[in-house]
Amino acid sequence: MMNEIPDPRPYKAQVEVTFPTPTQAKHAMDVLSVDGELGDKVIKTFAIVPSTESGDGSGVIMRV
């Protein structure tokens, strides 16, 4: 039997927000990323990825 180390952060969430342009997604990411957390129990990561939902391929998604 392997001894597994419990995850210190067992609760996780991912939010995806679609923006019509990469510029808007980058602006939103810049605004949200400056907010500090109240403690060391929360970790925020941001990513901007291409949207597969937009028909013309111009939309982007900001993942938080």
C-alpha atoms as a PDB file:
ATOM      1  CA  MET A   1       0.000   0.000   0.000  1.00  0.00           C
ATOM      2  CA  MET A   2       1.361   3.403  -0.989  1.00  0.00           C
ATOM      3  CA  ASN A   3       1.275   6.294   1.436  1.00  0.00           C
ATOM      4  CA  GLU A   4      -0.416   9.122  -0.401  1.00  0.00           C
ATOM      5  CA  ILE A   5       0.136  12.666   0.741  1.00  0.00           C
ATOM      6  CA  PRO A   6      -3.213  14.439   1.086  1.00  0.00           C
ATOM      7  CA  ASP A   7      -3.751  17.461  -1.113  1.00  0.00           C
ATOM      8  CA  PRO A   8      -3.394  20.556   1.097  1.00  0.00           C
ATOM      9  CA  ARG A   9      -5.912  22.333  -1.162  1.00  0.00           C
ATOM     10  CA  PRO A  10      -8.650  19.784  -1.861  1.00  0.00           C
ATOM     11  CA  TYR A  11     -11.181  22.308  -3.191  1.00  0.00           C
ATOM     12  CA  LYS A  12     -10.544  23.553  -6.701  1.00  0.00           C
ATOM     13  CA  ALA A  13     -12.521  25.625  -9.173  1.00  0.00           C
ATOM     14  CA  GLN A  14     -11.930  26.751 -12.721  1.00  0.00           C
ATOM     15  CA  VAL A  15     -13.749  29.656 -14.311  1.00  0.00           C
ATOM     16  CA  GLU A  16     -13.658  30.380 -18.039  1.00  0.00           C
ATOM     17  CA  VAL A  17     -14.709  33.765 -19.415  1.00  0.00           C
ATOM     18  CA  THR A  18     -14.929  34.260 -23.174  1.00  0.00           C
ATOM     19  CA  PHE A  19     -13.848  37.609 -24.639  1.00  0.00           C
ATOM     20  CA  PRO A  20     -14.271  38.740 -28.242  1.00  0.00           C
ATOM     21  CA  THR A  21     -10.661  39.927 -28.561  1.00  0.00           C
ATOM     22  CA  PRO A  22      -7.299  38.975 -27.057  1.00  0.00           C
ATOM     23  CA  THR A  23      -6.805  42.595 -25.967  1.00  0.00           C
ATOM     24  CA  GLN A  24      -9.930  42.508 -23.814  1.00  0.00           C
ATOM     25  CA  ALA A  25      -8.917  39.181 -22.271  1.00  0.00           C
ATOM     26  CA  LYS A  26      -5.427  40.507 -21.477  1.00  0.00           C
ATOM     27  CA  HIS A  27      -6.871  43.667 -19.923  1.00  0.00           C
ATOM     28  CA  ALA A  28      -9.207  41.634 -17.679  1.00  0.00           C
ATOM     29  CA  MET A  29      -6.339  39.350 -16.664  1.00  0.00           C
ATOM     30  CA  ASP A  30      -4.142  42.356 -15.799  1.00  0.00           C
ATOM     31  CA  VAL A  31      -6.899  43.888 -13.655  1.00  0.00           C
ATOM     32  CA  LEU A  32      -7.724  40.678 -11.786  1.00  0.00           C
ATOM     33  CA  SER A  33      -4.169  39.489 -11.244  1.00  0.00           C
ATOM     34  CA  VAL A  34      -3.135  42.459  -9.093  1.00  0.00           C
ATOM     35  CA  ASP A  35      -5.593  41.541  -6.324  1.00  0.00           C
ATOM     36  CA  GLY A  36      -3.693  39.902  -3.490  1.00  0.00           C
ATOM     37  CA  GLU A  37      -5.080  36.972  -1.573  1.00  0.00           C
ATOM     38  CA  LEU A  38      -6.010  37.109   2.096  1.00  0.00           C
ATOM     39  CA  GLY A  39      -3.764  34.217   2.976  1.00  0.00           C
ATOM     40  CA  ASP A  40      -1.632  31.394   1.672  1.00  0.00           C
ATOM     41  CA  LYS A  41      -4.575  29.004   1.331  1.00  0.00           C
ATOM     42  CA  VAL A  42      -5.678  30.372  -2.051  1.00  0.00           C
ATOM     43  CA  ILE A  43      -3.704  30.181  -5.269  1.00  0.00           C
ATOM     44  CA  LYS A  44      -4.890  31.964  -8.412  1.00  0.00           C
ATOM     45  CA  THR A  45      -3.588  31.169 -11.849  1.00  0.00           C
ATOM     46  CA  PHE A  46      -4.540  32.890 -15.089  1.00  0.00           C
ATOM     47  CA  ALA A  47      -4.257  31.722 -18.675  1.00  0.00           C
ATOM     48  CA  ILE A  48      -5.474  33.064 -22.001  1.00  0.00           C
ATOM     49  CA  VAL A  49      -6.313  30.344 -24.505  1.00  0.00           C
ATOM     50  CA  PRO A  50      -7.960  30.303 -27.950  1.00  0.00           C
ATOM     51  CA  SER A  51     -11.708  29.788 -27.936  1.00  0.00           C
ATOM     52  CA  THR A  52     -13.056  26.802 -29.777  1.00  0.00           C
ATOM     53  CA  GLU A  53     -16.589  28.176 -29.425  1.00  0.00           C
ATOM     54  CA  SER A  54     -16.242  31.175 -31.710  1.00  0.00           C
ATOM     55  CA  GLY A  55     -16.950  30.302 -35.304  1.00  0.00           C
ATOM     56  CA  ASP A  56     -14.408  32.669 -36.809  1.00  0.00           C
ATOM     57  CA  GLY A  57     -11.596  31.786 -34.391  1.00  0.00           C
ATOM     58  CA  SER A  58     -11.222  35.330 -33.088  1.00  0.00           C
ATOM     59  CA  GLY A  59     -12.485  34.819 -29.544  1.00  0.00           C
ATOM     60  CA  VAL A  60     -10.299  33.964 -26.577  1.00  0.00           C
ATOM     61  CA  ILE A  61     -10.944  32.509 -23.145  1.00  0.00           C
ATOM     62  CA  MET A  62      -9.417  33.713 -19.902  1.00  0.00           C
ATOM     63  CA  ARG A  63      -9.111  30.826 -17.479  1.00  0.00           C
ATOM     64  CA  VAL A  64      -8.978  31.616 -13.775  1.00  0.00           C
END
